Amino acid sequence: MSLDLKHSAIDRLRLASGLDGVSYLVLLGIAMPLKYLAGEPLAVRIVGSVHGFLFLSLCACLLEVLVRKKLSFGWCAIVFLCSVIPFAPFFLDRKLRGMAR
């Protein structure tokens, strides 16, 4: 997986989407069970903060590709919706990789 982060807005979007997807899975799969099953709310506070930052980064990347017209508004809406569905960003990455070329 090679990314041209310096020149390609779509590659930056792919990276932000992947990181957001991983943080979302960690939040749902590790931090939430720790909070509700083990009584450790600190995990949700930490992972939730990191996930929030990564989600805002994803939104900034989406805005960049929308303004630069690299993706249509419809594709940006799909990327945004995939960010709230677990595992969806990883399936979406294949489509975005094809668009980056």
N, C-alpha and C. Protein backbone atom coordinates (compact mmCIF):
# COMPACT_ATOMS: atom_id res chain seq x y z
N MET A 1 0.85 -1.18 0.00
CA MET A 1 0.00 0.00 0.00
C MET A 1 0.89 1.23 0.00
N SER A 2 1.05 1.83 -1.15
CA SER A 2 1.86 3.05 -1.22
C SER A 2 0.93 4.26 -1.29
N LEU A 3 1.26 5.24 -0.47
CA LEU A 3 0.46 6.46 -0.42
C LEU A 3 1.34 7.65 -0.78
N ASP A 4 0.83 8.52 -1.62
CA ASP A 4 1.52 9.76 -1.96
C ASP A 4 0.86 10.89 -1.17
N LEU A 5 1.21 10.99 0.11
CA LEU A 5 0.52 11.93 1.00
C LEU A 5 0.84 13.38 0.68
N LYS A 6 1.98 13.62 0.07
CA LYS A 6 2.38 15.00 -0.21
C LYS A 6 1.59 15.61 -1.36
N HIS A 7 1.25 14.78 -2.36
CA HIS A 7 0.62 15.33 -3.56
C HIS A 7 -0.83 14.90 -3.78
N SER A 8 -1.27 13.83 -3.16
CA SER A 8 -2.59 13.30 -3.47
C SER A 8 -3.57 13.48 -2.30
N ALA A 9 -4.61 14.26 -2.55
CA ALA A 9 -5.64 14.49 -1.53
C ALA A 9 -6.42 13.21 -1.25
N ILE A 10 -6.61 12.39 -2.27
CA ILE A 10 -7.34 11.14 -2.07
C ILE A 10 -6.53 10.16 -1.23
N ASP A 11 -5.21 10.14 -1.40
CA ASP A 11 -4.39 9.29 -0.54
C ASP A 11 -4.43 9.75 0.91
N ARG A 12 -4.46 11.06 1.12
CA ARG A 12 -4.61 11.56 2.50
C ARG A 12 -5.97 11.16 3.07
N LEU A 13 -7.00 11.20 2.23
CA LEU A 13 -8.33 10.77 2.66
C LEU A 13 -8.33 9.28 2.98
N ARG A 14 -7.66 8.48 2.17
CA ARG A 14 -7.57 7.04 2.44
C ARG A 14 -6.90 6.78 3.78
N LEU A 15 -5.80 7.48 4.06
CA LEU A 15 -5.11 7.30 5.33
C LEU A 15 -6.00 7.72 6.49
N ALA A 16 -6.65 8.87 6.38
CA ALA A 16 -7.53 9.34 7.45
C ALA A 16 -8.69 8.38 7.66
N SER A 17 -9.24 7.84 6.58
CA SER A 17 -10.34 6.90 6.69
C SER A 17 -9.90 5.61 7.37
N GLY A 18 -8.74 5.11 7.01
CA GLY A 18 -8.23 3.89 7.62
C GLY A 18 -7.94 4.05 9.10
N LEU A 19 -7.30 5.16 9.47
CA LEU A 19 -7.01 5.41 10.88
C LEU A 19 -8.28 5.59 11.69
N ASP A 20 -9.25 6.30 11.11
CA ASP A 20 -10.53 6.48 11.79
C ASP A 20 -11.24 5.14 11.95
N GLY A 21 -11.18 4.29 10.92
CA GLY A 21 -11.81 2.98 11.01
C GLY A 21 -11.19 2.11 12.09
N VAL A 22 -9.87 2.14 12.19
CA VAL A 22 -9.19 1.36 13.24
C VAL A 22 -9.55 1.89 14.62
N SER A 23 -9.54 3.20 14.78
CA SER A 23 -9.86 3.77 16.10
C SER A 23 -11.31 3.48 16.48
N TYR A 24 -12.20 3.45 15.50
CA TYR A 24 -13.61 3.13 15.77
C TYR A 24 -13.76 1.68 16.24
N LEU A 25 -13.03 0.78 15.60
CA LEU A 25 -13.07 -0.62 16.01
C LEU A 25 -12.48 -0.82 17.41
N VAL A 26 -11.40 -0.11 17.71
CA VAL A 26 -10.81 -0.19 19.05
C VAL A 26 -11.79 0.36 20.08
N LEU A 27 -12.46 1.45 19.74
CA LEU A 27 -13.44 2.03 20.65
C LEU A 27 -14.59 1.05 20.91
N LEU A 28 -15.13 0.47 19.84
CA LEU A 28 -16.27 -0.44 20.00
C LEU A 28 -15.88 -1.81 20.55
N GLY A 29 -14.71 -2.31 20.12
CA GLY A 29 -14.35 -3.68 20.47
C GLY A 29 -13.54 -3.84 21.74
N ILE A 30 -12.84 -2.79 22.16
CA ILE A 30 -11.99 -2.90 23.35
C ILE A 30 -12.42 -1.94 24.44
N ALA A 31 -12.51 -0.66 24.11
CA ALA A 31 -12.78 0.35 25.14
C ALA A 31 -14.19 0.23 25.73
N MET A 32 -15.18 0.04 24.88
CA MET A 32 -16.56 -0.07 25.40
C MET A 32 -16.75 -1.30 26.28
N PRO A 33 -16.25 -2.49 25.88
CA PRO A 33 -16.36 -3.63 26.80
C PRO A 33 -15.60 -3.40 28.11
N LEU A 34 -14.45 -2.72 28.03
CA LEU A 34 -13.72 -2.43 29.27
C LEU A 34 -14.54 -1.53 30.18
N LYS A 35 -15.26 -0.60 29.60
CA LYS A 35 -16.08 0.30 30.41
C LYS A 35 -17.25 -0.44 31.06
N TYR A 36 -17.97 -1.19 30.26
CA TYR A 36 -19.21 -1.78 30.76
C TYR A 36 -19.04 -3.15 31.42
N LEU A 37 -18.02 -3.89 31.05
CA LEU A 37 -17.83 -5.21 31.65
C LEU A 37 -16.80 -5.21 32.78
N ALA A 38 -15.80 -4.33 32.67
CA ALA A 38 -14.74 -4.31 33.68
C ALA A 38 -14.79 -3.06 34.55
N GLY A 39 -15.70 -2.14 34.25
CA GLY A 39 -15.82 -0.93 35.05
C GLY A 39 -14.65 0.02 34.91
N GLU A 40 -14.05 0.08 33.72
CA GLU A 40 -12.90 0.96 33.45
C GLU A 40 -13.29 2.05 32.44
N PRO A 41 -13.87 3.15 32.89
CA PRO A 41 -14.30 4.18 31.95
C PRO A 41 -13.16 4.99 31.34
N LEU A 42 -11.97 4.89 31.91
CA LEU A 42 -10.83 5.66 31.38
C LEU A 42 -10.49 5.25 29.95
N ALA A 43 -10.68 3.98 29.62
CA ALA A 43 -10.37 3.51 28.26
C ALA A 43 -11.23 4.24 27.23
N VAL A 44 -12.51 4.41 27.53
CA VAL A 44 -13.39 5.11 26.59
C VAL A 44 -13.01 6.58 26.48
N ARG A 45 -12.62 7.17 27.58
CA ARG A 45 -12.23 8.58 27.55
C ARG A 45 -11.00 8.79 26.67
N ILE A 46 -10.02 7.91 26.79
CA ILE A 46 -8.79 8.06 26.01
C ILE A 46 -9.03 7.71 24.55
N VAL A 47 -9.56 6.52 24.31
CA VAL A 47 -9.76 6.08 22.92
C VAL A 47 -10.81 6.95 22.23
N GLY A 48 -11.83 7.37 22.98
CA GLY A 48 -12.84 8.25 22.40
C GLY A 48 -12.27 9.60 21.97
N SER A 49 -11.35 10.12 22.75
CA SER A 49 -10.71 11.39 22.37
C SER A 49 -9.85 11.23 21.12
N VAL A 50 -9.10 10.15 21.05
CA VAL A 50 -8.27 9.89 19.87
C VAL A 50 -9.17 9.69 18.64
N HIS A 51 -10.23 8.92 18.82
CA HIS A 51 -11.16 8.68 17.71
C HIS A 51 -11.81 9.99 17.26
N GLY A 52 -12.18 10.84 18.20
CA GLY A 52 -12.77 12.13 17.84
C GLY A 52 -11.83 12.99 17.01
N PHE A 53 -10.55 13.01 17.40
CA PHE A 53 -9.55 13.76 16.63
C PHE A 53 -9.41 13.18 15.23
N LEU A 54 -9.34 11.84 15.13
CA LEU A 54 -9.18 11.21 13.82
C LEU A 54 -10.43 11.41 12.96
N PHE A 55 -11.61 11.43 13.57
CA PHE A 55 -12.83 11.68 12.82
C PHE A 55 -12.84 13.11 12.26
N LEU A 56 -12.41 14.07 13.07
CA LEU A 56 -12.32 15.44 12.58
C LEU A 56 -11.28 15.57 11.46
N SER A 57 -10.20 14.81 11.56
CA SER A 57 -9.20 14.79 10.48
C SER A 57 -9.80 14.23 9.20
N LEU A 58 -10.60 13.19 9.34
CA LEU A 58 -11.29 12.62 8.19
C LEU A 58 -12.23 13.65 7.55
N CYS A 59 -12.95 14.38 8.39
CA CYS A 59 -13.86 15.42 7.87
C CYS A 59 -13.09 16.51 7.14
N ALA A 60 -11.91 16.88 7.66
CA ALA A 60 -11.08 17.89 7.00
C ALA A 60 -10.59 17.38 5.64
N CYS A 61 -10.19 16.11 5.58
CA CYS A 61 -9.75 15.52 4.31
C CYS A 61 -10.91 15.43 3.32
N LEU A 62 -12.09 15.12 3.81
CA LEU A 62 -13.27 15.09 2.94
C LEU A 62 -13.55 16.46 2.35
N LEU A 63 -13.45 17.47 3.19
CA LEU A 63 -13.66 18.83 2.71
C LEU A 63 -12.62 19.21 1.65
N GLU A 64 -11.38 18.79 1.88
CA GLU A 64 -10.32 19.09 0.91
C GLU A 64 -10.61 18.45 -0.45
N VAL A 65 -10.97 17.17 -0.46
CA VAL A 65 -11.23 16.52 -1.76
C VAL A 65 -12.50 17.05 -2.41
N LEU A 66 -13.45 17.50 -1.61
CA LEU A 66 -14.67 18.08 -2.18
C LEU A 66 -14.36 19.43 -2.82
N VAL A 67 -13.56 20.25 -2.15
CA VAL A 67 -13.23 21.58 -2.68
C VAL A 67 -12.35 21.45 -3.92
N ARG A 68 -11.42 20.53 -3.90
CA ARG A 68 -10.53 20.35 -5.05
C ARG A 68 -11.20 19.55 -6.18
N LYS A 69 -12.45 19.12 -5.95
CA LYS A 69 -13.23 18.38 -6.95
C LYS A 69 -12.60 17.05 -7.34
N LYS A 70 -11.88 16.44 -6.41
CA LYS A 70 -11.33 15.11 -6.67
C LYS A 70 -12.44 14.05 -6.56
N LEU A 71 -13.41 14.31 -5.69
CA LEU A 71 -14.56 13.41 -5.53
C LEU A 71 -15.83 14.24 -5.58
N SER A 72 -16.89 13.63 -6.05
CA SER A 72 -18.18 14.32 -6.09
C SER A 72 -18.77 14.38 -4.69
N PHE A 73 -19.81 15.18 -4.54
CA PHE A 73 -20.49 15.28 -3.25
C PHE A 73 -21.07 13.92 -2.84
N GLY A 74 -21.57 13.18 -3.82
CA GLY A 74 -22.13 11.85 -3.54
C GLY A 74 -21.09 10.90 -2.96
N TRP A 75 -19.88 10.91 -3.55
CA TRP A 75 -18.81 10.06 -3.02
C TRP A 75 -18.40 10.52 -1.63
N CYS A 76 -18.36 11.81 -1.40
CA CYS A 76 -18.01 12.31 -0.05
C CYS A 76 -19.06 11.87 0.96
N ALA A 77 -20.32 11.85 0.57
CA ALA A 77 -21.38 11.39 1.47
C ALA A 77 -21.21 9.90 1.77
N ILE A 78 -20.83 9.12 0.76
CA ILE A 78 -20.60 7.69 0.98
C ILE A 78 -19.44 7.47 1.93
N VAL A 79 -18.35 8.21 1.75
CA VAL A 79 -17.20 8.08 2.65
C VAL A 79 -17.60 8.46 4.07
N PHE A 80 -18.38 9.51 4.22
CA PHE A 80 -18.83 9.94 5.54
C PHE A 80 -19.71 8.87 6.19
N LEU A 81 -20.64 8.31 5.44
CA LEU A 81 -21.51 7.26 5.98
C LEU A 81 -20.71 6.00 6.33
N CYS A 82 -19.72 5.69 5.53
CA CYS A 82 -18.89 4.52 5.84
C CYS A 82 -18.07 4.72 7.11
N SER A 83 -17.85 5.95 7.50
CA SER A 83 -17.07 6.19 8.72
C SER A 83 -17.84 5.83 9.99
N VAL A 84 -19.15 5.67 9.90
CA VAL A 84 -19.94 5.31 11.09
C VAL A 84 -20.37 3.84 11.07
N ILE A 85 -19.97 3.09 10.05
CA ILE A 85 -20.28 1.67 9.96
C ILE A 85 -18.99 0.89 10.18
N PRO A 86 -18.94 0.04 11.20
CA PRO A 86 -17.70 -0.71 11.44
C PRO A 86 -17.28 -1.53 10.22
N PHE A 87 -16.00 -1.57 9.94
CA PHE A 87 -15.36 -2.29 8.84
C PHE A 87 -15.62 -1.69 7.46
N ALA A 88 -16.55 -0.79 7.30
CA ALA A 88 -16.86 -0.21 5.99
C ALA A 88 -15.70 0.59 5.39
N PRO A 89 -14.92 1.35 6.19
CA PRO A 89 -13.81 2.09 5.58
C PRO A 89 -12.79 1.20 4.87
N PHE A 90 -12.65 -0.03 5.33
CA PHE A 90 -11.66 -0.92 4.74
C PHE A 90 -12.12 -1.45 3.39
N PHE A 91 -13.41 -1.63 3.21
CA PHE A 91 -13.95 -2.02 1.91
C PHE A 91 -13.95 -0.83 0.95
N LEU A 92 -14.17 0.35 1.48
CA LEU A 92 -14.19 1.56 0.68
C LEU A 92 -12.80 1.92 0.16
N ASP A 93 -11.76 1.50 0.88
CA ASP A 93 -10.39 1.84 0.51
C ASP A 93 -10.05 1.35 -0.90
N ARG A 94 -10.55 0.19 -1.28
CA ARG A 94 -10.27 -0.34 -2.62
C ARG A 94 -10.80 0.61 -3.71
N LYS A 95 -12.00 1.14 -3.50
CA LYS A 95 -12.59 2.06 -4.48
C LYS A 95 -11.78 3.36 -4.53
N LEU A 96 -11.41 3.87 -3.36
CA LEU A 96 -10.65 5.12 -3.33
C LEU A 96 -9.26 4.94 -3.94
N ARG A 97 -8.66 3.77 -3.74
CA ARG A 97 -7.35 3.50 -4.32
C ARG A 97 -7.42 3.56 -5.84
N GLY A 98 -8.50 3.04 -6.40
CA GLY A 98 -8.67 3.12 -7.86
C GLY A 98 -8.87 4.53 -8.35
N MET A 99 -9.51 5.37 -7.54
CA MET A 99 -9.73 6.77 -7.93
C MET A 99 -8.47 7.59 -7.82
N ALA A 100 -7.54 7.18 -6.96
CA ALA A 100 -6.31 7.95 -6.76
C ALA A 100 -5.38 7.82 -7.96
N ARG A 101 -5.57 6.79 -8.76
CA ARG A 101 -4.68 6.56 -9.90
C ARG A 101 -5.11 7.23 -11.14
